[in-house]
Amino acid sequence: MDASWTWIVASLVVLGAVGLLVFRVGGAGNRNRLTPLAGLALGLVIAGLVFGEERWLGYGLFAVGVILAVVDMVQRLRGT
């Protein structure tokens, strides 16, 4: 296994552990749920990190994910 794949696997394990902790520890009170657009943006950013060896693909996915996240933030601030 290449060193970059080791880092990718390690970061995914840590991300999963943090997600599990948030799911288990988070209260049932008023939650800010992840919108579908924000979920898509997060998926594209992660895909951009995974496919980082192909620079045009990795940077492209990363950029589209960031743009979608900004669009989601603007929509949430406007209340639409």
N, C-alpha and C. Protein backbone atom coordinates (compact mmCIF):
# COMPACT_ATOMS: atom_id res chain seq x y z
N MET A 1 0.85 -1.17 0.00
CA MET A 1 0.00 0.00 0.00
C MET A 1 0.89 1.23 0.00
N ASP A 2 0.61 2.16 -0.87
CA ASP A 2 1.39 3.38 -1.00
C ASP A 2 1.14 4.28 0.22
N ALA A 3 2.06 5.17 0.50
CA ALA A 3 1.94 6.06 1.66
C ALA A 3 0.72 6.97 1.55
N SER A 4 0.40 7.42 0.34
CA SER A 4 -0.77 8.30 0.19
C SER A 4 -2.05 7.54 0.49
N TRP A 5 -2.12 6.26 0.10
CA TRP A 5 -3.32 5.47 0.41
C TRP A 5 -3.43 5.24 1.91
N THR A 6 -2.30 5.11 2.58
CA THR A 6 -2.33 4.96 4.03
C THR A 6 -2.96 6.19 4.68
N TRP A 7 -2.57 7.37 4.22
CA TRP A 7 -3.15 8.59 4.76
C TRP A 7 -4.63 8.71 4.44
N ILE A 8 -5.03 8.30 3.26
CA ILE A 8 -6.43 8.37 2.87
C ILE A 8 -7.26 7.45 3.75
N VAL A 9 -6.78 6.23 3.94
CA VAL A 9 -7.51 5.27 4.78
C VAL A 9 -7.56 5.76 6.22
N ALA A 10 -6.46 6.29 6.72
CA ALA A 10 -6.43 6.80 8.09
C ALA A 10 -7.39 7.96 8.26
N SER A 11 -7.45 8.85 7.29
CA SER A 11 -8.36 9.99 7.40
C SER A 11 -9.82 9.55 7.32
N LEU A 12 -10.11 8.54 6.51
CA LEU A 12 -11.48 8.03 6.45
C LEU A 12 -11.88 7.34 7.75
N VAL A 13 -10.94 6.64 8.38
CA VAL A 13 -11.23 6.01 9.67
C VAL A 13 -11.51 7.08 10.73
N VAL A 14 -10.69 8.12 10.76
CA VAL A 14 -10.90 9.21 11.72
C VAL A 14 -12.22 9.92 11.44
N LEU A 15 -12.54 10.16 10.18
CA LEU A 15 -13.81 10.79 9.83
C LEU A 15 -14.98 9.94 10.28
N GLY A 16 -14.88 8.64 10.09
CA GLY A 16 -15.93 7.73 10.55
C GLY A 16 -16.07 7.74 12.06
N ALA A 17 -14.96 7.78 12.78
CA ALA A 17 -15.01 7.82 14.24
C ALA A 17 -15.64 9.11 14.74
N VAL A 18 -15.30 10.22 14.11
CA VAL A 18 -15.91 11.50 14.50
C VAL A 18 -17.40 11.48 14.20
N GLY A 19 -17.77 10.94 13.04
CA GLY A 19 -19.19 10.84 12.70
C GLY A 19 -19.96 9.97 13.69
N LEU A 20 -19.36 8.87 14.10
CA LEU A 20 -19.99 8.00 15.09
C LEU A 20 -20.15 8.71 16.42
N LEU A 21 -19.12 9.43 16.84
CA LEU A 21 -19.22 10.18 18.09
C LEU A 21 -20.30 11.25 18.03
N VAL A 22 -20.37 11.96 16.94
CA VAL A 22 -21.40 12.99 16.79
C VAL A 22 -22.78 12.36 16.82
N PHE A 23 -22.93 11.22 16.17
CA PHE A 23 -24.22 10.54 16.13
C PHE A 23 -24.61 10.04 17.51
N ARG A 24 -23.67 9.48 18.25
CA ARG A 24 -23.98 8.90 19.56
C ARG A 24 -24.11 9.95 20.66
N VAL A 25 -23.29 10.98 20.63
CA VAL A 25 -23.25 11.95 21.71
C VAL A 25 -24.21 13.10 21.46
N GLY A 26 -24.48 13.43 20.22
CA GLY A 26 -25.33 14.57 19.89
C GLY A 26 -26.71 14.44 20.51
N GLY A 27 -27.19 15.55 21.07
CA GLY A 27 -28.50 15.56 21.70
C GLY A 27 -29.63 15.54 20.68
N ALA A 28 -30.82 15.28 21.18
CA ALA A 28 -32.00 15.21 20.30
C ALA A 28 -32.67 16.58 20.18
N GLY A 29 -31.99 17.62 20.61
CA GLY A 29 -32.56 18.96 20.58
C GLY A 29 -32.61 19.54 19.18
N ASN A 30 -32.51 20.83 19.09
CA ASN A 30 -32.57 21.53 17.81
C ASN A 30 -31.28 21.27 17.04
N ARG A 31 -31.40 20.53 15.96
CA ARG A 31 -30.22 20.18 15.17
C ARG A 31 -30.26 20.90 13.83
N ASN A 32 -29.10 21.25 13.37
CA ASN A 32 -28.96 21.76 12.00
C ASN A 32 -28.67 20.56 11.12
N ARG A 33 -29.67 20.12 10.40
CA ARG A 33 -29.51 18.95 9.54
C ARG A 33 -28.73 19.32 8.29
N LEU A 34 -28.05 18.34 7.76
CA LEU A 34 -27.29 18.51 6.53
C LEU A 34 -28.27 18.49 5.36
N THR A 35 -28.25 19.54 4.57
CA THR A 35 -29.14 19.59 3.41
C THR A 35 -28.59 18.69 2.31
N PRO A 36 -29.45 18.28 1.38
CA PRO A 36 -28.96 17.43 0.29
C PRO A 36 -27.85 18.11 -0.52
N LEU A 37 -27.96 19.41 -0.71
CA LEU A 37 -26.93 20.13 -1.46
C LEU A 37 -25.61 20.14 -0.70
N ALA A 38 -25.67 20.32 0.61
CA ALA A 38 -24.45 20.29 1.42
C ALA A 38 -23.85 18.89 1.45
N GLY A 39 -24.69 17.88 1.47
CA GLY A 39 -24.20 16.50 1.42
C GLY A 39 -23.49 16.20 0.12
N LEU A 40 -24.06 16.69 -0.98
CA LEU A 40 -23.43 16.52 -2.28
C LEU A 40 -22.09 17.25 -2.33
N ALA A 41 -22.06 18.46 -1.77
CA ALA A 41 -20.83 19.24 -1.73
C ALA A 41 -19.76 18.50 -0.92
N LEU A 42 -20.14 17.94 0.22
CA LEU A 42 -19.19 17.20 1.04
C LEU A 42 -18.68 15.97 0.29
N GLY A 43 -19.56 15.28 -0.39
CA GLY A 43 -19.15 14.11 -1.16
C GLY A 43 -18.18 14.47 -2.27
N LEU A 44 -18.42 15.60 -2.93
CA LEU A 44 -17.52 16.02 -4.01
C LEU A 44 -16.15 16.44 -3.48
N VAL A 45 -16.13 17.08 -2.32
CA VAL A 45 -14.85 17.47 -1.72
C VAL A 45 -14.06 16.23 -1.34
N ILE A 46 -14.73 15.24 -0.74
CA ILE A 46 -14.04 14.01 -0.37
C ILE A 46 -13.56 13.27 -1.62
N ALA A 47 -14.40 13.25 -2.66
CA ALA A 47 -13.99 12.61 -3.91
C ALA A 47 -12.79 13.34 -4.52
N GLY A 48 -12.77 14.66 -4.40
CA GLY A 48 -11.62 15.43 -4.89
C GLY A 48 -10.35 15.07 -4.15
N LEU A 49 -10.46 14.80 -2.86
CA LEU A 49 -9.29 14.39 -2.09
C LEU A 49 -8.84 12.98 -2.47
N VAL A 50 -9.81 12.11 -2.70
CA VAL A 50 -9.47 10.73 -3.04
C VAL A 50 -8.82 10.64 -4.42
N PHE A 51 -9.37 11.40 -5.38
CA PHE A 51 -8.85 11.37 -6.74
C PHE A 51 -7.82 12.47 -6.97
N GLY A 52 -7.06 12.81 -5.95
CA GLY A 52 -6.10 13.90 -6.03
C GLY A 52 -4.90 13.63 -6.92
N GLU A 53 -4.64 12.36 -7.22
CA GLU A 53 -3.49 12.06 -8.07
C GLU A 53 -3.69 12.54 -9.49
N GLU A 54 -4.91 12.48 -9.98
CA GLU A 54 -5.25 13.09 -11.27
C GLU A 54 -5.62 14.54 -10.96
N ARG A 55 -4.70 15.44 -11.15
CA ARG A 55 -4.89 16.81 -10.68
C ARG A 55 -6.13 17.48 -11.25
N TRP A 56 -6.37 17.33 -12.53
CA TRP A 56 -7.52 18.02 -13.13
C TRP A 56 -8.82 17.48 -12.55
N LEU A 57 -8.90 16.19 -12.29
CA LEU A 57 -10.12 15.60 -11.72
C LEU A 57 -10.26 15.96 -10.25
N GLY A 58 -9.19 15.83 -9.50
CA GLY A 58 -9.24 16.13 -8.06
C GLY A 58 -9.57 17.58 -7.79
N TYR A 59 -8.87 18.49 -8.47
CA TYR A 59 -9.15 19.91 -8.27
C TYR A 59 -10.53 20.29 -8.78
N GLY A 60 -10.95 19.67 -9.86
CA GLY A 60 -12.27 19.97 -10.40
C GLY A 60 -13.38 19.55 -9.44
N LEU A 61 -13.29 18.34 -8.91
CA LEU A 61 -14.30 17.88 -7.95
C LEU A 61 -14.28 18.73 -6.69
N PHE A 62 -13.08 19.05 -6.23
CA PHE A 62 -12.94 19.89 -5.04
C PHE A 62 -13.57 21.26 -5.25
N ALA A 63 -13.30 21.87 -6.42
CA ALA A 63 -13.83 23.20 -6.71
C ALA A 63 -15.36 23.19 -6.81
N VAL A 64 -15.91 22.19 -7.47
CA VAL A 64 -17.37 22.11 -7.59
C VAL A 64 -18.00 21.90 -6.22
N GLY A 65 -17.36 21.10 -5.37
CA GLY A 65 -17.87 20.89 -4.01
C GLY A 65 -17.87 22.17 -3.20
N VAL A 66 -16.82 22.95 -3.30
CA VAL A 66 -16.75 24.21 -2.56
C VAL A 66 -17.80 25.19 -3.09
N ILE A 67 -17.97 25.25 -4.39
CA ILE A 67 -18.98 26.15 -4.97
C ILE A 67 -20.37 25.76 -4.50
N LEU A 68 -20.68 24.46 -4.49
CA LEU A 68 -22.00 24.02 -4.03
C LEU A 68 -22.20 24.31 -2.54
N ALA A 69 -21.14 24.20 -1.75
CA ALA A 69 -21.25 24.53 -0.33
C ALA A 69 -21.55 26.00 -0.13
N VAL A 70 -20.92 26.86 -0.91
CA VAL A 70 -21.18 28.30 -0.82
C VAL A 70 -22.61 28.61 -1.25
N VAL A 71 -23.07 27.96 -2.33
CA VAL A 71 -24.46 28.16 -2.77
C VAL A 71 -25.42 27.73 -1.68
N ASP A 72 -25.15 26.61 -1.02
CA ASP A 72 -26.01 26.14 0.06
C ASP A 72 -26.03 27.12 1.23
N MET A 73 -24.86 27.69 1.57
CA MET A 73 -24.82 28.66 2.66
C MET A 73 -25.63 29.91 2.33
N VAL A 74 -25.52 30.38 1.10
CA VAL A 74 -26.28 31.56 0.68
C VAL A 74 -27.77 31.28 0.73
N GLN A 75 -28.19 30.10 0.27
CA GLN A 75 -29.60 29.74 0.30
C GLN A 75 -30.11 29.65 1.72
N ARG A 76 -29.32 29.12 2.63
CA ARG A 76 -29.75 29.02 4.03
C ARG A 76 -29.83 30.40 4.69
N LEU A 77 -28.92 31.31 4.33
CA LEU A 77 -28.96 32.64 4.92
C LEU A 77 -30.19 33.43 4.42
N ARG A 78 -30.56 33.21 3.17
CA ARG A 78 -31.73 33.88 2.61
C ARG A 78 -33.05 33.27 3.09
N GLY A 79 -32.99 32.04 3.58
CA GLY A 79 -34.17 31.39 4.09
C GLY A 79 -35.03 30.74 3.01
N THR A 80 -34.43 30.41 1.86
CA THR A 80 -35.20 29.77 0.80
C THR A 80 -34.95 28.30 0.77
